[in-house]
Amino acid sequence: MRSACAAVVAVCAALAGCSSPVPASDASPGDPFTRTFAEGRRPAVADLAGTSLEGSAVRLSDYRGEVVLINAWASWCGPCRAEAPELRLVQETWGGRGLRVLGLDNDSSRAAGLAFQKDHHLSYPSLHDPSGKQALRLPRGLVNTQVMPYTIVVDPEGKVAATRIGAVTRNQLAKIVEPLLPK
């Protein structure tokens, strides 16, 4: 019975995207939804690129040299709505020190995404990605892209420093983001 339970847990972890790449440490002990990666073991992120909700061209590589917080969301997602004020605060708190938030809007309608941005006073750009093509470009096993929201912290070299599945708060991000930013 015990081995059957262990097998079920292993399969669930693999299906949830928890199998690879291997996290080097955990910034939040006891928080199974946050993973951090040691500097020499960080996977690179593809140059996500597309059109923002407002219609401008956006490329992740435009932010090279800065810390980027990629956040996947949708207007119909309750946890996404709950975390939006926190993400606005994150941009306001650390934007002057080189942190940029980049959203990945999964709404099928641009209008719904724009309304969400306006309702929550979000000043950062969001790539309109209704088909999930940007998510498919992420390193395999990094996050479960079927769950929203999810957040990826990219270091100034374009490598993944941390991931979070589920809603995120400014306090949860502080331990991850602060060491990556210039003093």
N, C-alpha and C. Protein backbone atom coordinates (compact mmCIF):
# COMPACT_ATOMS: atom_id res chain seq x y z
N MET A 1 0.83 -1.19 0.00
CA MET A 1 0.00 0.00 0.00
C MET A 1 0.88 1.26 0.00
N ARG A 2 1.92 1.25 0.80
CA ARG A 2 2.80 2.40 0.90
C ARG A 2 3.50 2.70 -0.43
N SER A 3 3.94 1.66 -1.12
CA SER A 3 4.62 1.87 -2.41
C SER A 3 3.63 2.37 -3.46
N ALA A 4 2.38 1.95 -3.39
CA ALA A 4 1.37 2.44 -4.32
C ALA A 4 1.12 3.93 -4.09
N CYS A 5 1.06 4.35 -2.83
CA CYS A 5 0.88 5.78 -2.52
C CYS A 5 2.07 6.59 -3.00
N ALA A 6 3.28 6.06 -2.82
CA ALA A 6 4.49 6.76 -3.27
C ALA A 6 4.48 6.91 -4.79
N ALA A 7 4.02 5.89 -5.48
CA ALA A 7 3.96 5.94 -6.94
C ALA A 7 2.95 6.99 -7.40
N VAL A 8 1.80 7.05 -6.73
CA VAL A 8 0.78 8.04 -7.08
C VAL A 8 1.32 9.45 -6.85
N VAL A 9 2.00 9.68 -5.73
CA VAL A 9 2.58 10.99 -5.44
C VAL A 9 3.62 11.36 -6.50
N ALA A 10 4.45 10.44 -6.90
CA ALA A 10 5.48 10.70 -7.92
C ALA A 10 4.84 11.06 -9.26
N VAL A 11 3.80 10.35 -9.65
CA VAL A 11 3.10 10.64 -10.91
C VAL A 11 2.44 12.01 -10.84
N CYS A 12 1.79 12.32 -9.73
CA CYS A 12 1.14 13.63 -9.58
C CYS A 12 2.17 14.76 -9.65
N ALA A 13 3.32 14.57 -9.01
CA ALA A 13 4.37 15.59 -9.05
C ALA A 13 4.87 15.79 -10.47
N ALA A 14 5.04 14.70 -11.20
CA ALA A 14 5.51 14.81 -12.58
C ALA A 14 4.48 15.52 -13.45
N LEU A 15 3.21 15.17 -13.27
CA LEU A 15 2.15 15.81 -14.06
C LEU A 15 2.00 17.28 -13.70
N ALA A 16 2.31 17.65 -12.47
CA ALA A 16 2.19 19.04 -12.03
C ALA A 16 3.39 19.87 -12.46
N GLY A 17 4.35 19.25 -13.11
CA GLY A 17 5.51 19.99 -13.57
C GLY A 17 6.58 20.10 -12.50
N CYS A 18 6.52 19.26 -11.48
CA CYS A 18 7.44 19.35 -10.36
C CYS A 18 8.65 18.45 -10.51
N SER A 19 8.86 17.85 -11.67
CA SER A 19 9.93 16.88 -11.77
C SER A 19 11.22 17.43 -12.33
N SER A 20 11.19 18.45 -13.18
CA SER A 20 12.40 18.92 -13.81
C SER A 20 12.19 20.34 -14.28
N PRO A 21 13.14 21.21 -14.23
CA PRO A 21 14.46 21.07 -13.66
C PRO A 21 14.42 21.02 -12.14
N VAL A 22 15.48 20.52 -11.55
CA VAL A 22 15.53 20.31 -10.12
C VAL A 22 15.78 21.63 -9.41
N PRO A 23 14.94 22.00 -8.44
CA PRO A 23 15.19 23.22 -7.71
C PRO A 23 16.44 23.09 -6.85
N ALA A 24 17.23 24.14 -6.78
CA ALA A 24 18.45 24.11 -6.01
C ALA A 24 18.20 24.46 -4.55
N SER A 25 17.17 25.24 -4.30
CA SER A 25 16.85 25.60 -2.93
C SER A 25 15.40 26.03 -2.88
N ASP A 26 14.93 26.38 -1.69
CA ASP A 26 13.56 26.83 -1.52
C ASP A 26 13.59 28.14 -0.74
N ALA A 27 13.15 29.22 -1.37
CA ALA A 27 13.16 30.53 -0.71
C ALA A 27 12.12 30.61 0.39
N SER A 28 11.13 29.76 0.34
CA SER A 28 10.06 29.78 1.31
C SER A 28 9.89 28.40 1.91
N PRO A 29 10.67 28.07 2.95
CA PRO A 29 10.54 26.73 3.54
C PRO A 29 9.08 26.42 3.88
N GLY A 30 8.66 25.25 3.49
CA GLY A 30 7.30 24.84 3.75
C GLY A 30 6.32 25.31 2.68
N ASP A 31 6.79 26.03 1.66
CA ASP A 31 5.94 26.51 0.58
C ASP A 31 6.19 25.67 -0.66
N PRO A 32 5.35 24.68 -0.91
CA PRO A 32 5.58 23.79 -2.06
C PRO A 32 5.29 24.44 -3.41
N PHE A 33 4.78 25.66 -3.43
CA PHE A 33 4.43 26.31 -4.68
C PHE A 33 5.51 27.24 -5.22
N THR A 34 6.57 27.46 -4.44
CA THR A 34 7.67 28.34 -4.84
C THR A 34 8.94 27.51 -4.97
N ARG A 35 9.65 27.69 -6.11
CA ARG A 35 10.94 27.04 -6.31
C ARG A 35 11.97 28.11 -6.67
N THR A 36 13.18 27.97 -6.13
CA THR A 36 14.27 28.85 -6.51
C THR A 36 15.38 28.00 -7.09
N PHE A 37 16.24 28.64 -7.89
CA PHE A 37 17.33 27.95 -8.56
C PHE A 37 18.65 28.64 -8.26
N ALA A 38 19.65 27.86 -7.88
CA ALA A 38 20.98 28.41 -7.59
C ALA A 38 21.56 29.01 -8.87
N GLU A 39 22.43 29.98 -8.71
CA GLU A 39 22.94 30.74 -9.84
C GLU A 39 23.51 29.87 -10.96
N GLY A 40 24.28 28.89 -10.70
CA GLY A 40 24.87 28.07 -11.75
C GLY A 40 23.93 27.04 -12.34
N ARG A 41 22.73 26.91 -11.80
CA ARG A 41 21.80 25.87 -12.24
C ARG A 41 20.48 26.43 -12.79
N ARG A 42 20.48 27.70 -13.14
CA ARG A 42 19.27 28.33 -13.63
C ARG A 42 19.05 28.06 -15.12
N PRO A 43 17.85 27.58 -15.48
CA PRO A 43 17.56 27.37 -16.91
C PRO A 43 17.32 28.69 -17.62
N ALA A 44 17.72 28.77 -18.88
CA ALA A 44 17.50 29.97 -19.70
C ALA A 44 16.04 30.01 -20.15
N VAL A 45 15.55 31.21 -20.38
CA VAL A 45 14.19 31.40 -20.87
C VAL A 45 14.27 31.85 -22.32
N ALA A 46 13.41 31.30 -23.16
CA ALA A 46 13.34 31.72 -24.56
C ALA A 46 12.95 33.20 -24.62
N ASP A 47 13.28 33.83 -25.71
CA ASP A 47 12.93 35.24 -25.89
C ASP A 47 11.45 35.34 -26.24
N LEU A 48 10.62 35.39 -25.21
CA LEU A 48 9.18 35.54 -25.42
C LEU A 48 8.95 36.85 -26.16
N ALA A 49 8.13 36.82 -27.16
CA ALA A 49 7.88 38.02 -27.95
C ALA A 49 6.50 37.97 -28.57
N GLY A 50 5.91 39.12 -28.72
CA GLY A 50 4.59 39.20 -29.34
C GLY A 50 4.04 40.59 -29.25
N THR A 51 2.74 40.68 -29.26
CA THR A 51 2.05 41.97 -29.22
C THR A 51 1.39 42.15 -27.86
N SER A 52 1.57 43.33 -27.30
CA SER A 52 0.93 43.64 -26.02
C SER A 52 -0.57 43.83 -26.23
N LEU A 53 -1.30 43.90 -25.15
CA LEU A 53 -2.74 44.14 -25.24
C LEU A 53 -3.04 45.46 -25.95
N GLU A 54 -2.13 46.42 -25.80
CA GLU A 54 -2.31 47.73 -26.43
C GLU A 54 -1.88 47.72 -27.90
N GLY A 55 -1.26 46.63 -28.37
CA GLY A 55 -0.86 46.52 -29.76
C GLY A 55 0.60 46.80 -30.04
N SER A 56 1.43 47.04 -29.02
CA SER A 56 2.86 47.29 -29.23
C SER A 56 3.64 45.99 -29.22
N ALA A 57 4.78 46.02 -29.90
CA ALA A 57 5.68 44.86 -29.89
C ALA A 57 6.39 44.79 -28.54
N VAL A 58 6.46 43.58 -27.98
CA VAL A 58 7.13 43.36 -26.70
C VAL A 58 8.02 42.14 -26.84
N ARG A 59 9.26 42.26 -26.34
CA ARG A 59 10.22 41.15 -26.34
C ARG A 59 10.84 41.07 -24.95
N LEU A 60 10.94 39.87 -24.44
CA LEU A 60 11.60 39.66 -23.15
C LEU A 60 13.05 40.17 -23.21
N SER A 61 13.72 39.97 -24.34
CA SER A 61 15.12 40.38 -24.47
C SER A 61 15.29 41.90 -24.35
N ASP A 62 14.23 42.68 -24.54
CA ASP A 62 14.31 44.13 -24.34
C ASP A 62 14.61 44.47 -22.88
N TYR A 63 14.37 43.54 -21.99
CA TYR A 63 14.58 43.76 -20.56
C TYR A 63 15.87 43.13 -20.04
N ARG A 64 16.73 42.64 -20.96
CA ARG A 64 17.99 42.01 -20.53
C ARG A 64 18.76 43.00 -19.66
N GLY A 65 19.34 42.50 -18.59
CA GLY A 65 20.05 43.36 -17.64
C GLY A 65 19.17 43.78 -16.47
N GLU A 66 17.88 43.48 -16.57
CA GLU A 66 16.95 43.80 -15.49
C GLU A 66 16.33 42.50 -14.97
N VAL A 67 15.78 42.56 -13.79
CA VAL A 67 15.04 41.43 -13.25
C VAL A 67 13.62 41.53 -13.81
N VAL A 68 13.12 40.42 -14.35
CA VAL A 68 11.78 40.42 -14.96
C VAL A 68 10.91 39.41 -14.24
N LEU A 69 9.74 39.87 -13.89
CA LEU A 69 8.74 39.00 -13.27
C LEU A 69 7.68 38.72 -14.32
N ILE A 70 7.69 37.51 -14.88
CA ILE A 70 6.69 37.11 -15.88
C ILE A 70 5.51 36.52 -15.12
N ASN A 71 4.33 37.07 -15.36
CA ASN A 71 3.15 36.59 -14.65
C ASN A 71 2.06 36.24 -15.65
N ALA A 72 1.65 34.97 -15.67
CA ALA A 72 0.56 34.51 -16.54
C ALA A 72 -0.76 34.68 -15.81
N TRP A 73 -1.72 35.26 -16.51
CA TRP A 73 -3.01 35.57 -15.89
C TRP A 73 -4.13 35.54 -16.94
N ALA A 74 -5.35 35.64 -16.44
CA ALA A 74 -6.53 35.79 -17.29
C ALA A 74 -7.58 36.53 -16.47
N SER A 75 -8.40 37.29 -17.13
CA SER A 75 -9.39 38.11 -16.43
C SER A 75 -10.43 37.27 -15.70
N TRP A 76 -10.70 36.05 -16.16
CA TRP A 76 -11.69 35.19 -15.55
C TRP A 76 -11.15 34.41 -14.34
N CYS A 77 -9.86 34.55 -14.05
CA CYS A 77 -9.18 33.79 -13.00
C CYS A 77 -9.27 34.54 -11.67
N GLY A 78 -9.96 33.96 -10.70
CA GLY A 78 -10.12 34.59 -9.38
C GLY A 78 -8.80 34.89 -8.69
N PRO A 79 -7.87 33.92 -8.58
CA PRO A 79 -6.59 34.22 -7.95
C PRO A 79 -5.79 35.29 -8.70
N CYS A 80 -5.97 35.38 -10.02
CA CYS A 80 -5.29 36.42 -10.80
C CYS A 80 -5.80 37.79 -10.40
N ARG A 81 -7.11 37.88 -10.18
CA ARG A 81 -7.71 39.14 -9.76
C ARG A 81 -7.21 39.51 -8.36
N ALA A 82 -7.07 38.53 -7.51
CA ALA A 82 -6.61 38.79 -6.14
C ALA A 82 -5.16 39.26 -6.10
N GLU A 83 -4.32 38.75 -6.99
CA GLU A 83 -2.90 39.11 -6.95
C GLU A 83 -2.57 40.38 -7.74
N ALA A 84 -3.48 40.86 -8.58
CA ALA A 84 -3.20 42.03 -9.42
C ALA A 84 -2.73 43.25 -8.62
N PRO A 85 -3.37 43.60 -7.51
CA PRO A 85 -2.88 44.74 -6.73
C PRO A 85 -1.46 44.51 -6.18
N GLU A 86 -1.15 43.26 -5.87
CA GLU A 86 0.19 42.94 -5.37
C GLU A 86 1.24 43.14 -6.48
N LEU A 87 0.91 42.73 -7.70
CA LEU A 87 1.84 42.90 -8.81
C LEU A 87 2.04 44.37 -9.14
N ARG A 88 0.98 45.15 -9.03
CA ARG A 88 1.12 46.60 -9.22
C ARG A 88 2.07 47.17 -8.16
N LEU A 89 1.92 46.73 -6.93
CA LEU A 89 2.79 47.17 -5.84
C LEU A 89 4.24 46.73 -6.06
N VAL A 90 4.44 45.51 -6.56
CA VAL A 90 5.78 45.00 -6.86
C VAL A 90 6.46 45.91 -7.89
N GLN A 91 5.75 46.26 -8.97
CA GLN A 91 6.30 47.14 -10.00
C GLN A 91 6.62 48.51 -9.41
N GLU A 92 5.74 49.04 -8.57
CA GLU A 92 5.97 50.35 -7.96
C GLU A 92 7.13 50.31 -6.97
N THR A 93 7.24 49.23 -6.20
CA THR A 93 8.27 49.11 -5.17
C THR A 93 9.66 48.96 -5.76
N TRP A 94 9.82 48.06 -6.74
CA TRP A 94 11.15 47.73 -7.24
C TRP A 94 11.43 48.20 -8.66
N GLY A 95 10.47 48.83 -9.30
CA GLY A 95 10.67 49.31 -10.67
C GLY A 95 11.84 50.26 -10.80
N GLY A 96 12.03 51.13 -9.84
CA GLY A 96 13.13 52.08 -9.86
C GLY A 96 14.49 51.44 -9.67
N ARG A 97 14.50 50.20 -9.22
CA ARG A 97 15.76 49.48 -9.01
C ARG A 97 16.03 48.46 -10.11
N GLY A 98 15.20 48.43 -11.15
CA GLY A 98 15.49 47.55 -12.27
C GLY A 98 14.63 46.32 -12.37
N LEU A 99 13.47 46.30 -11.73
CA LEU A 99 12.54 45.17 -11.89
C LEU A 99 11.44 45.57 -12.86
N ARG A 100 11.11 44.66 -13.77
CA ARG A 100 10.03 44.87 -14.71
C ARG A 100 9.06 43.71 -14.60
N VAL A 101 7.77 44.02 -14.62
CA VAL A 101 6.74 42.99 -14.65
C VAL A 101 6.29 42.88 -16.10
N LEU A 102 6.15 41.66 -16.58
CA LEU A 102 5.66 41.38 -17.92
C LEU A 102 4.54 40.35 -17.79
N GLY A 103 3.34 40.74 -18.16
CA GLY A 103 2.21 39.83 -18.07
C GLY A 103 2.07 38.96 -19.31
N LEU A 104 1.46 37.79 -19.12
CA LEU A 104 1.07 36.90 -20.22
C LEU A 104 -0.44 36.72 -20.09
N ASP A 105 -1.19 37.47 -20.87
CA ASP A 105 -2.65 37.42 -20.80
C ASP A 105 -3.17 36.25 -21.62
N ASN A 106 -3.92 35.38 -20.99
CA ASN A 106 -4.46 34.19 -21.64
C ASN A 106 -5.92 34.35 -22.06
N ASP A 107 -6.47 35.55 -21.98
CA ASP A 107 -7.85 35.77 -22.41
C ASP A 107 -7.98 35.60 -23.91
N SER A 108 -9.08 35.05 -24.37
CA SER A 108 -9.29 34.93 -25.81
C SER A 108 -9.59 36.30 -26.43
N SER A 109 -10.12 37.19 -25.63
CA SER A 109 -10.48 38.53 -26.10
C SER A 109 -9.50 39.58 -25.57
N ARG A 110 -8.95 40.35 -26.48
CA ARG A 110 -8.08 41.48 -26.09
C ARG A 110 -8.85 42.46 -25.21
N ALA A 111 -10.11 42.67 -25.52
CA ALA A 111 -10.94 43.62 -24.77
C ALA A 111 -11.05 43.20 -23.30
N ALA A 112 -11.20 41.92 -23.03
CA ALA A 112 -11.28 41.44 -21.64
C ALA A 112 -9.96 41.71 -20.91
N GLY A 113 -8.83 41.46 -21.58
CA GLY A 113 -7.53 41.72 -20.98
C GLY A 113 -7.31 43.19 -20.71
N LEU A 114 -7.68 44.03 -21.67
CA LEU A 114 -7.54 45.48 -21.48
C LEU A 114 -8.41 45.98 -20.34
N ALA A 115 -9.62 45.46 -20.23
CA ALA A 115 -10.52 45.86 -19.14
C ALA A 115 -9.91 45.45 -17.79
N PHE A 116 -9.32 44.26 -17.73
CA PHE A 116 -8.66 43.79 -16.51
C PHE A 116 -7.52 44.74 -16.14
N GLN A 117 -6.67 45.08 -17.11
CA GLN A 117 -5.56 46.00 -16.85
C GLN A 117 -6.07 47.34 -16.33
N LYS A 118 -7.11 47.85 -16.95
CA LYS A 118 -7.66 49.15 -16.55
C LYS A 118 -8.27 49.07 -15.15
N ASP A 119 -9.07 48.04 -14.90
CA ASP A 119 -9.73 47.88 -13.59
C ASP A 119 -8.72 47.80 -12.45
N HIS A 120 -7.56 47.20 -12.72
CA HIS A 120 -6.55 46.99 -11.66
C HIS A 120 -5.40 47.99 -11.74
N HIS A 121 -5.51 48.97 -12.64
CA HIS A 121 -4.50 50.03 -12.77
C HIS A 121 -3.10 49.46 -12.98
N LEU A 122 -2.99 48.49 -13.88
CA LEU A 122 -1.70 47.86 -14.16
C LEU A 122 -0.97 48.67 -15.23
N SER A 123 0.22 49.11 -14.90
CA SER A 123 0.98 49.96 -15.83
C SER A 123 2.01 49.19 -16.63
N TYR A 124 2.19 47.92 -16.35
CA TYR A 124 3.17 47.12 -17.09
C TYR A 124 2.50 46.44 -18.29
N PRO A 125 3.30 46.10 -19.33
CA PRO A 125 2.72 45.47 -20.52
C PRO A 125 2.38 44.00 -20.28
N SER A 126 1.42 43.53 -21.04
CA SER A 126 1.08 42.11 -21.03
C SER A 126 1.00 41.62 -22.47
N LEU A 127 1.73 40.55 -22.75
CA LEU A 127 1.63 39.91 -24.07
C LEU A 127 0.27 39.25 -24.17
N HIS A 128 -0.41 39.47 -25.27
CA HIS A 128 -1.69 38.80 -25.50
C HIS A 128 -1.38 37.42 -26.06
N ASP A 129 -1.70 36.38 -25.29
CA ASP A 129 -1.32 35.01 -25.65
C ASP A 129 -2.50 34.05 -25.47
N PRO A 130 -3.59 34.26 -26.24
CA PRO A 130 -4.78 33.43 -26.03
C PRO A 130 -4.58 31.96 -26.34
N SER A 131 -3.65 31.62 -27.20
CA SER A 131 -3.45 30.21 -27.56
C SER A 131 -2.37 29.54 -26.70
N GLY A 132 -1.70 30.29 -25.85
CA GLY A 132 -0.69 29.71 -24.98
C GLY A 132 0.63 29.41 -25.67
N LYS A 133 0.89 30.01 -26.82
CA LYS A 133 2.14 29.75 -27.55
C LYS A 133 3.37 30.18 -26.75
N GLN A 134 3.25 31.28 -26.02
CA GLN A 134 4.40 31.74 -25.22
C GLN A 134 4.72 30.73 -24.12
N ALA A 135 3.71 30.20 -23.49
CA ALA A 135 3.91 29.21 -22.42
C ALA A 135 4.61 27.97 -22.95
N LEU A 136 4.33 27.59 -24.20
CA LEU A 136 4.97 26.41 -24.79
C LEU A 136 6.47 26.63 -25.01
N ARG A 137 6.92 27.86 -25.01
CA ARG A 137 8.33 28.18 -25.22
C ARG A 137 9.13 28.15 -23.91
N LEU A 138 8.44 28.01 -22.79
CA LEU A 138 9.13 27.95 -21.50
C LEU A 138 9.85 26.61 -21.36
N PRO A 139 10.93 26.55 -20.56
CA PRO A 139 11.61 25.27 -20.36
C PRO A 139 10.64 24.22 -19.83
N ARG A 140 10.72 23.05 -20.41
CA ARG A 140 9.83 21.95 -20.04
C ARG A 140 9.96 21.63 -18.54
N GLY A 141 8.80 21.50 -17.89
CA GLY A 141 8.77 21.15 -16.48
C GLY A 141 8.99 22.32 -15.53
N LEU A 142 9.16 23.52 -16.07
CA LEU A 142 9.42 24.68 -15.21
C LEU A 142 8.22 25.01 -14.34
N VAL A 143 7.06 25.12 -14.95
CA VAL A 143 5.80 25.36 -14.24
C VAL A 143 4.70 24.58 -14.94
N ASN A 144 3.63 24.36 -14.24
CA ASN A 144 2.46 23.74 -14.84
C ASN A 144 1.66 24.87 -15.49
N THR A 145 1.74 24.98 -16.80
CA THR A 145 1.10 26.08 -17.50
C THR A 145 -0.42 25.93 -17.60
N GLN A 146 -0.95 24.84 -17.09
CA GLN A 146 -2.40 24.64 -17.07
C GLN A 146 -3.02 25.27 -15.84
N VAL A 147 -2.18 25.72 -14.91
CA VAL A 147 -2.64 26.31 -13.66
C VAL A 147 -2.38 27.81 -13.72
N MET A 148 -3.35 28.61 -13.33
CA MET A 148 -3.15 30.05 -13.31
C MET A 148 -3.52 30.60 -11.96
N PRO A 149 -2.85 31.64 -11.57
CA PRO A 149 -1.71 32.27 -12.23
C PRO A 149 -0.42 31.51 -11.93
N TYR A 150 0.61 31.82 -12.70
CA TYR A 150 1.95 31.38 -12.37
C TYR A 150 2.90 32.53 -12.65
N THR A 151 4.00 32.53 -11.92
CA THR A 151 4.97 33.62 -11.99
C THR A 151 6.35 33.04 -12.14
N ILE A 152 7.16 33.66 -13.00
CA ILE A 152 8.54 33.26 -13.22
C ILE A 152 9.41 34.49 -13.00
N VAL A 153 10.42 34.37 -12.13
CA VAL A 153 11.36 35.47 -11.90
C VAL A 153 12.60 35.18 -12.73
N VAL A 154 12.91 36.11 -13.64
CA VAL A 154 14.05 35.97 -14.55
C VAL A 154 15.15 36.92 -14.08
N ASP A 155 16.36 36.40 -13.92
CA ASP A 155 17.48 37.23 -13.47
C ASP A 155 17.98 38.12 -14.61
N PRO A 156 18.89 39.06 -14.33
CA PRO A 156 19.36 39.98 -15.38
C PRO A 156 20.04 39.30 -16.58
N GLU A 157 20.49 38.06 -16.42
CA GLU A 157 21.13 37.33 -17.52
C GLU A 157 20.13 36.54 -18.35
N GLY A 158 18.85 36.62 -18.02
CA GLY A 158 17.83 35.90 -18.79
C GLY A 158 17.62 34.47 -18.34
N LYS A 159 17.98 34.17 -17.10
CA LYS A 159 17.81 32.81 -16.56
C LYS A 159 16.78 32.83 -15.44
N VAL A 160 16.13 31.69 -15.25
CA VAL A 160 15.08 31.56 -14.24
C VAL A 160 15.68 31.48 -12.84
N ALA A 161 15.35 32.45 -12.01
CA ALA A 161 15.80 32.45 -10.62
C ALA A 161 14.78 31.77 -9.71
N ALA A 162 13.49 31.86 -10.09
CA ALA A 162 12.44 31.26 -9.24
C ALA A 162 11.14 31.13 -10.02
N THR A 163 10.27 30.27 -9.52
CA THR A 163 8.92 30.12 -10.07
C THR A 163 7.94 30.04 -8.91
N ARG A 164 6.71 30.38 -9.22
CA ARG A 164 5.63 30.28 -8.23
C ARG A 164 4.37 29.88 -8.97
N ILE A 165 3.70 28.87 -8.47
CA ILE A 165 2.39 28.46 -8.98
C ILE A 165 1.36 29.03 -8.02
N GLY A 166 0.35 29.67 -8.56
CA GLY A 166 -0.69 30.27 -7.72
C GLY A 166 -0.43 31.75 -7.50
N ALA A 167 -1.36 32.38 -6.83
CA ALA A 167 -1.26 33.82 -6.56
C ALA A 167 -0.01 34.11 -5.74
N VAL A 168 0.56 35.28 -5.99
CA VAL A 168 1.79 35.68 -5.33
C VAL A 168 1.58 37.02 -4.63
N THR A 169 2.33 37.23 -3.56
CA THR A 169 2.27 38.51 -2.85
C THR A 169 3.64 39.19 -2.90
N ARG A 170 3.63 40.46 -2.62
CA ARG A 170 4.88 41.22 -2.58
C ARG A 170 5.82 40.62 -1.55
N ASN A 171 5.31 40.24 -0.39
CA ASN A 171 6.15 39.66 0.67
C ASN A 171 6.78 38.34 0.24
N GLN A 172 6.04 37.52 -0.49
CA GLN A 172 6.60 36.26 -0.98
C GLN A 172 7.72 36.52 -1.97
N LEU A 173 7.57 37.55 -2.78
CA LEU A 173 8.58 37.86 -3.79
C LEU A 173 9.81 38.56 -3.22
N ALA A 174 9.67 39.22 -2.09
CA ALA A 174 10.77 40.01 -1.53
C ALA A 174 12.03 39.17 -1.34
N LYS A 175 11.91 37.97 -0.80
CA LYS A 175 13.07 37.10 -0.55
C LYS A 175 13.76 36.69 -1.84
N ILE A 176 13.02 36.63 -2.93
CA ILE A 176 13.57 36.21 -4.21
C ILE A 176 14.12 37.39 -4.99
N VAL A 177 13.38 38.47 -5.04
CA VAL A 177 13.71 39.61 -5.89
C VAL A 177 14.82 40.48 -5.31
N GLU A 178 14.75 40.79 -4.03
CA GLU A 178 15.72 41.70 -3.41
C GLU A 178 17.18 41.32 -3.69
N PRO A 179 17.59 40.05 -3.54
CA PRO A 179 18.99 39.70 -3.80
C PRO A 179 19.40 39.84 -5.28
N LEU A 180 18.45 39.85 -6.19
CA LEU A 180 18.76 39.96 -7.62
C LEU A 180 18.94 41.40 -8.09
N LEU A 181 18.41 42.34 -7.31
CA LEU A 181 18.43 43.75 -7.70
C LEU A 181 19.71 44.43 -7.25
N PRO A 182 20.14 45.47 -8.01
CA PRO A 182 21.32 46.23 -7.56
C PRO A 182 21.00 46.95 -6.26
N LYS A 183 22.00 47.11 -5.45
CA LYS A 183 21.83 47.77 -4.13
C LYS A 183 21.61 49.24 -4.28
